[in-house]
Amino acid sequence: MTTGQLFNSAIDAFREIYNEEPWASWAAAWSAGQDRTAVTAESVARGLDHVLGWKPPDEAWREMVKRFPVTKLEDFDEDPDLKEEAVQIELSSLPRAADEKGTAAMILRMAACNLARSAVIFSNPDREPSTEETIILAVRCALAIVRKVATTVAR
């Protein structure tokens, strides 16, 4: 099975358990081969970022640069304290779930967002071969959630 086939099967399977809009409409169009553009997938991912309370990657990086103005990317790798501070800042922006229902919704939204972001990567004809791993990781996570939901429902 190719990465494309695996990705498409994950989208189809995840559609069975997650139907929030606009992700559900985008996923249906993707499955039907109607809209497989990076622009549309990015728009859906950014919408989920907003719902989750996350900043888009470029905005989060700009904020990090403002917080550490003279710091270069490699400085984070070389200075464990600086890296830990940056990680704590990033962790503080993660969504919090107040209860079990909130946790389940957050997990589903995060997986849907990862699939949409993977579609952005997948839509790029010039993508690096290493990005296949990113797509496959998102697929594995989504399929694991689908299996968990199916097991829970069967009980």
C-alpha atoms as a PDB file:
ATOM      1  CA  MET A   1       0.000   0.000   0.000  1.00  0.00           C
ATOM      2  CA  THR A   2       1.417   3.401  -0.971  1.00  0.00           C
ATOM      3  CA  THR A   3       1.543   6.379   1.369  1.00  0.00           C
ATOM      4  CA  GLY A   4      -1.217   7.982  -0.700  1.00  0.00           C
ATOM      5  CA  GLN A   5      -3.483   4.963  -0.353  1.00  0.00           C
ATOM      6  CA  LEU A   6      -2.744   4.722   3.354  1.00  0.00           C
ATOM      7  CA  PHE A   7      -3.464   8.441   3.812  1.00  0.00           C
ATOM      8  CA  ASN A   8      -6.743   8.208   1.888  1.00  0.00           C
ATOM      9  CA  SER A   9      -7.848   5.198   3.947  1.00  0.00           C
ATOM     10  CA  ALA A  10      -7.089   7.136   7.160  1.00  0.00           C
ATOM     11  CA  ILE A  11      -9.161  10.104   5.965  1.00  0.00           C
ATOM     12  CA  ASP A  12     -12.058   7.769   5.131  1.00  0.00           C
ATOM     13  CA  ALA A  13     -11.830   5.921   8.454  1.00  0.00           C
ATOM     14  CA  PHE A  14     -11.537   9.117  10.491  1.00  0.00           C
ATOM     15  CA  ARG A  15     -14.596  10.544   8.728  1.00  0.00           C
ATOM     16  CA  GLU A  16     -16.575   7.738  10.389  1.00  0.00           C
ATOM     17  CA  ILE A  17     -15.868   9.090  13.878  1.00  0.00           C
ATOM     18  CA  TYR A  18     -15.245  12.822  13.389  1.00  0.00           C
ATOM     19  CA  ASN A  19     -17.791  15.054  11.680  1.00  0.00           C
ATOM     20  CA  GLU A  20     -17.120  18.610  12.850  1.00  0.00           C
ATOM     21  CA  GLU A  21     -17.205  21.232  10.150  1.00  0.00           C
ATOM     22  CA  PRO A  22     -15.371  22.412   8.155  1.00  0.00           C
ATOM     23  CA  TRP A  23     -13.126  19.356   8.502  1.00  0.00           C
ATOM     24  CA  ALA A  24     -15.891  16.910   7.556  1.00  0.00           C
ATOM     25  CA  SER A  25     -16.719  18.734   4.301  1.00  0.00           C
ATOM     26  CA  TRP A  26     -13.048  19.069   3.417  1.00  0.00           C
ATOM     27  CA  ALA A  27     -12.424  15.371   4.144  1.00  0.00           C
ATOM     28  CA  ALA A  28     -15.418  14.343   2.013  1.00  0.00           C
ATOM     29  CA  ALA A  29     -14.132  16.463  -0.867  1.00  0.00           C
ATOM     30  CA  TRP A  30     -10.616  15.032  -0.413  1.00  0.00           C
ATOM     31  CA  SER A  31     -11.984  11.470  -0.427  1.00  0.00           C
ATOM     32  CA  ALA A  32     -13.963  12.207  -3.588  1.00  0.00           C
ATOM     33  CA  GLY A  33     -10.853  13.663  -5.238  1.00  0.00           C
ATOM     34  CA  GLN A  34     -12.599  17.027  -5.642  1.00  0.00           C
ATOM     35  CA  ASP A  35     -10.270  19.291  -3.674  1.00  0.00           C
ATOM     36  CA  ARG A  36      -6.786  18.155  -2.847  1.00  0.00           C
ATOM     37  CA  THR A  37      -5.119  21.541  -2.737  1.00  0.00           C
ATOM     38  CA  ALA A  38      -2.675  22.575  -0.057  1.00  0.00           C
ATOM     39  CA  VAL A  39      -4.478  25.917   0.287  1.00  0.00           C
ATOM     40  CA  THR A  40      -7.773  24.318   1.310  1.00  0.00           C
ATOM     41  CA  ALA A  41      -6.110  21.814   3.652  1.00  0.00           C
ATOM     42  CA  GLU A  42      -4.084  24.617   5.277  1.00  0.00           C
ATOM     43  CA  SER A  43      -7.246  26.650   5.785  1.00  0.00           C
ATOM     44  CA  VAL A  44      -8.919  23.719   7.547  1.00  0.00           C
ATOM     45  CA  ALA A  45      -5.831  23.091   9.688  1.00  0.00           C
ATOM     46  CA  ARG A  46      -5.628  26.769  10.693  1.00  0.00           C
ATOM     47  CA  GLY A  47      -9.316  26.685  11.639  1.00  0.00           C
ATOM     48  CA  LEU A  48      -8.662  23.705  13.900  1.00  0.00           C
ATOM     49  CA  ASP A  49      -5.610  25.469  15.346  1.00  0.00           C
ATOM     50  CA  HIS A  50      -7.931  28.298  16.308  1.00  0.00           C
ATOM     51  CA  VAL A  51     -10.534  25.984  17.862  1.00  0.00           C
ATOM     52  CA  LEU A  52      -7.787  24.220  19.805  1.00  0.00           C
ATOM     53  CA  GLY A  53      -6.377  27.523  20.968  1.00  0.00           C
ATOM     54  CA  TRP A  54      -3.090  27.035  19.143  1.00  0.00           C
ATOM     55  CA  LYS A  55      -1.184  29.590  17.207  1.00  0.00           C
ATOM     56  CA  PRO A  56      -0.333  28.612  13.629  1.00  0.00           C
ATOM     57  CA  PRO A  57       3.301  27.421  13.301  1.00  0.00           C
ATOM     58  CA  ASP A  58       4.537  30.631  11.662  1.00  0.00           C
ATOM     59  CA  GLU A  59       2.857  32.805  14.317  1.00  0.00           C
ATOM     60  CA  ALA A  60       4.210  30.635  17.156  1.00  0.00           C
ATOM     61  CA  TRP A  61       7.712  30.942  15.708  1.00  0.00           C
ATOM     62  CA  ARG A  62       7.379  34.757  15.443  1.00  0.00           C
ATOM     63  CA  GLU A  63       6.323  34.851  19.081  1.00  0.00           C
ATOM     64  CA  MET A  64       9.312  32.720  20.046  1.00  0.00           C
ATOM     65  CA  VAL A  65      11.628  35.069  18.133  1.00  0.00           C
ATOM     66  CA  LYS A  66      10.093  38.065  19.955  1.00  0.00           C
ATOM     67  CA  ARG A  67      10.652  36.310  23.279  1.00  0.00           C
ATOM     68  CA  PHE A  68      14.248  35.385  22.376  1.00  0.00           C
ATOM     69  CA  PRO A  69      15.235  38.111  19.866  1.00  0.00           C
ATOM     70  CA  VAL A  70      18.946  37.327  19.550  1.00  0.00           C
ATOM     71  CA  THR A  71      18.507  33.572  19.553  1.00  0.00           C
ATOM     72  CA  LYS A  72      19.103  31.435  16.508  1.00  0.00           C
ATOM     73  CA  LEU A  73      17.387  28.100  15.928  1.00  0.00           C
ATOM     74  CA  GLU A  74      20.570  26.143  16.662  1.00  0.00           C
ATOM     75  CA  ASP A  75      20.901  27.924  20.039  1.00  0.00           C
ATOM     76  CA  PHE A  76      17.911  25.951  21.302  1.00  0.00           C
ATOM     77  CA  ASP A  77      19.768  22.705  20.566  1.00  0.00           C
ATOM     78  CA  GLU A  78      22.963  23.887  22.259  1.00  0.00           C
ATOM     79  CA  ASP A  79      21.464  25.369  25.460  1.00  0.00           C
ATOM     80  CA  PRO A  80      19.291  22.926  27.470  1.00  0.00           C
ATOM     81  CA  ASP A  81      17.941  25.705  29.750  1.00  0.00           C
ATOM     82  CA  LEU A  82      16.908  27.846  26.809  1.00  0.00           C
ATOM     83  CA  LYS A  83      15.315  24.842  25.150  1.00  0.00           C
ATOM     84  CA  GLU A  84      13.441  23.954  28.354  1.00  0.00           C
ATOM     85  CA  GLU A  85      12.113  27.521  28.662  1.00  0.00           C
ATOM     86  CA  ALA A  86      10.958  27.447  25.034  1.00  0.00           C
ATOM     87  CA  VAL A  87       9.280  24.057  25.595  1.00  0.00           C
ATOM     88  CA  GLN A  88       7.461  25.395  28.675  1.00  0.00           C
ATOM     89  CA  ILE A  89       6.213  28.387  26.685  1.00  0.00           C
ATOM     90  CA  GLU A  90       4.967  26.048  23.975  1.00  0.00           C
ATOM     91  CA  LEU A  91       3.336  23.696  26.510  1.00  0.00           C
ATOM     92  CA  SER A  92       1.508  26.603  28.087  1.00  0.00           C
ATOM     93  CA  SER A  93      -0.220  27.215  24.755  1.00  0.00           C
ATOM     94  CA  LEU A  94      -1.582  23.660  24.511  1.00  0.00           C
ATOM     95  CA  PRO A  95      -5.320  23.314  24.948  1.00  0.00           C
ATOM     96  CA  ARG A  96      -6.570  22.100  28.291  1.00  0.00           C
ATOM     97  CA  ALA A  97      -9.460  19.700  28.665  1.00  0.00           C
ATOM     98  CA  ALA A  98     -11.580  20.135  31.766  1.00  0.00           C
ATOM     99  CA  ASP A  99     -13.187  16.688  31.704  1.00  0.00           C
ATOM    100  CA  GLU A 100     -13.266  13.363  29.884  1.00  0.00           C
ATOM    101  CA  LYS A 101     -15.587  14.663  27.154  1.00  0.00           C
ATOM    102  CA  GLY A 102     -13.319  17.672  26.622  1.00  0.00           C
ATOM    103  CA  THR A 103     -10.289  15.400  26.426  1.00  0.00           C
ATOM    104  CA  ALA A 104     -11.937  13.191  23.790  1.00  0.00           C
ATOM    105  CA  ALA A 105     -12.955  16.213  21.694  1.00  0.00           C
ATOM    106  CA  MET A 106      -9.443  17.643  21.964  1.00  0.00           C
ATOM    107  CA  ILE A 107      -7.842  14.361  20.845  1.00  0.00           C
ATOM    108  CA  LEU A 108     -10.199  14.105  17.856  1.00  0.00           C
ATOM    109  CA  ARG A 109      -9.546  17.717  16.845  1.00  0.00           C
ATOM    110  CA  MET A 110      -5.795  17.274  17.176  1.00  0.00           C
ATOM    111  CA  ALA A 111      -5.867  14.172  14.975  1.00  0.00           C
ATOM    112  CA  ALA A 112      -8.085  15.933  12.413  1.00  0.00           C
ATOM    113  CA  CYS A 113      -5.688  18.889  12.419  1.00  0.00           C
ATOM    114  CA  ASN A 114      -2.699  16.554  11.908  1.00  0.00           C
ATOM    115  CA  LEU A 115      -4.449  14.902   8.969  1.00  0.00           C
ATOM    116  CA  ALA A 116      -5.189  18.296   7.405  1.00  0.00           C
ATOM    117  CA  ARG A 117      -1.569  19.401   7.922  1.00  0.00           C
ATOM    118  CA  SER A 118      -0.418  16.122   6.391  1.00  0.00           C
ATOM    119  CA  ALA A 119      -2.638  16.829   3.398  1.00  0.00           C
ATOM    120  CA  VAL A 120      -0.774  20.119   2.967  1.00  0.00           C
ATOM    121  CA  ILE A 121       2.482  18.157   2.832  1.00  0.00           C
ATOM    122  CA  PHE A 122       0.959  15.462   0.629  1.00  0.00           C
ATOM    123  CA  SER A 123      -0.371  18.084  -1.812  1.00  0.00           C
ATOM    124  CA  ASN A 124       3.105  19.480  -2.419  1.00  0.00           C
ATOM    125  CA  PRO A 125       4.577  17.783  -5.495  1.00  0.00           C
ATOM    126  CA  ASP A 126       8.083  18.909  -4.452  1.00  0.00           C
ATOM    127  CA  ARG A 127       7.908  17.421  -0.942  1.00  0.00           C
ATOM    128  CA  GLU A 128      11.008  15.827   0.490  1.00  0.00           C
ATOM    129  CA  PRO A 129      11.007  12.033   0.815  1.00  0.00           C
ATOM    130  CA  SER A 130      11.452  12.434   4.597  1.00  0.00           C
ATOM    131  CA  THR A 131       7.992  14.008   4.844  1.00  0.00           C
ATOM    132  CA  GLU A 132       6.509  10.576   4.163  1.00  0.00           C
ATOM    133  CA  GLU A 133       7.318   9.749   7.799  1.00  0.00           C
ATOM    134  CA  THR A 134       5.300  12.746   9.004  1.00  0.00           C
ATOM    135  CA  ILE A 135       2.307  11.698   6.921  1.00  0.00           C
ATOM    136  CA  ILE A 136       2.546   8.083   8.064  1.00  0.00           C
ATOM    137  CA  LEU A 137       2.738   9.168  11.724  1.00  0.00           C
ATOM    138  CA  ALA A 138      -0.451  11.238  11.361  1.00  0.00           C
ATOM    139  CA  VAL A 139      -2.124   8.267   9.641  1.00  0.00           C
ATOM    140  CA  ARG A 140      -1.080   5.836  12.377  1.00  0.00           C
ATOM    141  CA  CYS A 141      -2.363   8.161  15.100  1.00  0.00           C
ATOM    142  CA  ALA A 142      -5.703   8.674  13.327  1.00  0.00           C
ATOM    143  CA  LEU A 143      -6.169   4.946  12.712  1.00  0.00           C
ATOM    144  CA  ALA A 144      -5.285   4.143  16.342  1.00  0.00           C
ATOM    145  CA  ILE A 145      -7.971   6.584  17.483  1.00  0.00           C
ATOM    146  CA  VAL A 146     -10.479   5.033  15.082  1.00  0.00           C
ATOM    147  CA  ARG A 147      -9.658   1.567  16.473  1.00  0.00           C
ATOM    148  CA  LYS A 148      -9.994   2.824  20.069  1.00  0.00           C
ATOM    149  CA  VAL A 149     -13.359   4.415  19.342  1.00  0.00           C
ATOM    150  CA  ALA A 150     -14.557   1.246  17.622  1.00  0.00           C
ATOM    151  CA  THR A 151     -13.437  -0.875  20.595  1.00  0.00           C
ATOM    152  CA  THR A 152     -15.115   1.464  23.072  1.00  0.00           C
ATOM    153  CA  VAL A 153     -18.377   1.513  21.119  1.00  0.00           C
ATOM    154  CA  ALA A 154     -18.378  -2.287  20.813  1.00  0.00           C
ATOM    155  CA  ARG A 155     -18.278  -2.698  24.601  1.00  0.00           C
END
